[in-house]
Amino acid sequence: MKKFAFILLALLLASCGIQNPQNTQKQEQAQTETAVEIQKVSQNTWNLQTSSKQMTNKSNSKQTQEIAKKGDIVLVDYVGFFPDGKVFDTSIEKVAKENGIYNAARDYKPLKFTVGAWQMISCFDKAIEGMKVGETKEITCEPKDAYGECDPKKIQKIEKSQLAQFEQAGYKLEKWTELPTQYGMLKIVDADKDTVTLDLNHPMCGKTLKFKVTLKWIEK
């Protein structure tokens, strides 16, 4: 405001003929320099405001992209354990070795799946939705939200002859033997000379499970 007042006063004095030509020339030069400085300040202020808005928009956009939602393909590291703390599964090699469940044939790496596509048990799937990249949380899955309750109807007796391919592969058709299939492991819970009783329930049926999960990455 002082600079503008100075310019206005200088113009008024010049119009009244009070200043000599030399002083008038100096004042005109000063006015020009002042106007240039004002323009620079104004331009810098506008640039700063624009830059700030752009950074805010980028930050908001990045934050939105970091939150998992239905349809996103995600990578998740996890440790699965029972309420007593015993670890039964993990995607982390070091944890597997520390807990005596390491499988040399397995490729330990983050689990990849699509959120909301029913590729995982429901409690695990729902837990990932809304998580941010880098976030870690612990979840508890009751049987109804995990592998369900054990169904007595899925315990069936069959003839050993129906499992001949397993015998040929070297498996003994006796009690507590587990037979690998494309649908998971089948456990023999009883056996006699001619028959075996298979438990077709999932090994985790009826169990409460806990998971420590970390969202590693989201594919947009």
Foldseek 3Di string as FASTA:
>chain_A
DVLVVLLVVLVVCVVVVPDDPVVNVVSVVVNVVVVVVVVVVVVVVVVVVVVVVVVVVVVVVVQVQQADAAFWKFWKWKWKDAPVRQTDDTLDQVVCVVRVNHDPVDNRGTDIDGQPPPPAQQQVSVVRHGDGAFDKDKDKAALVRHQEAFDPVQWAKDWCVVVVVVVVVPFDQAAQTWDQDPVGTWGFHHDDDTMTIIRPGDPCHRGMMMMIMHTHDIDD
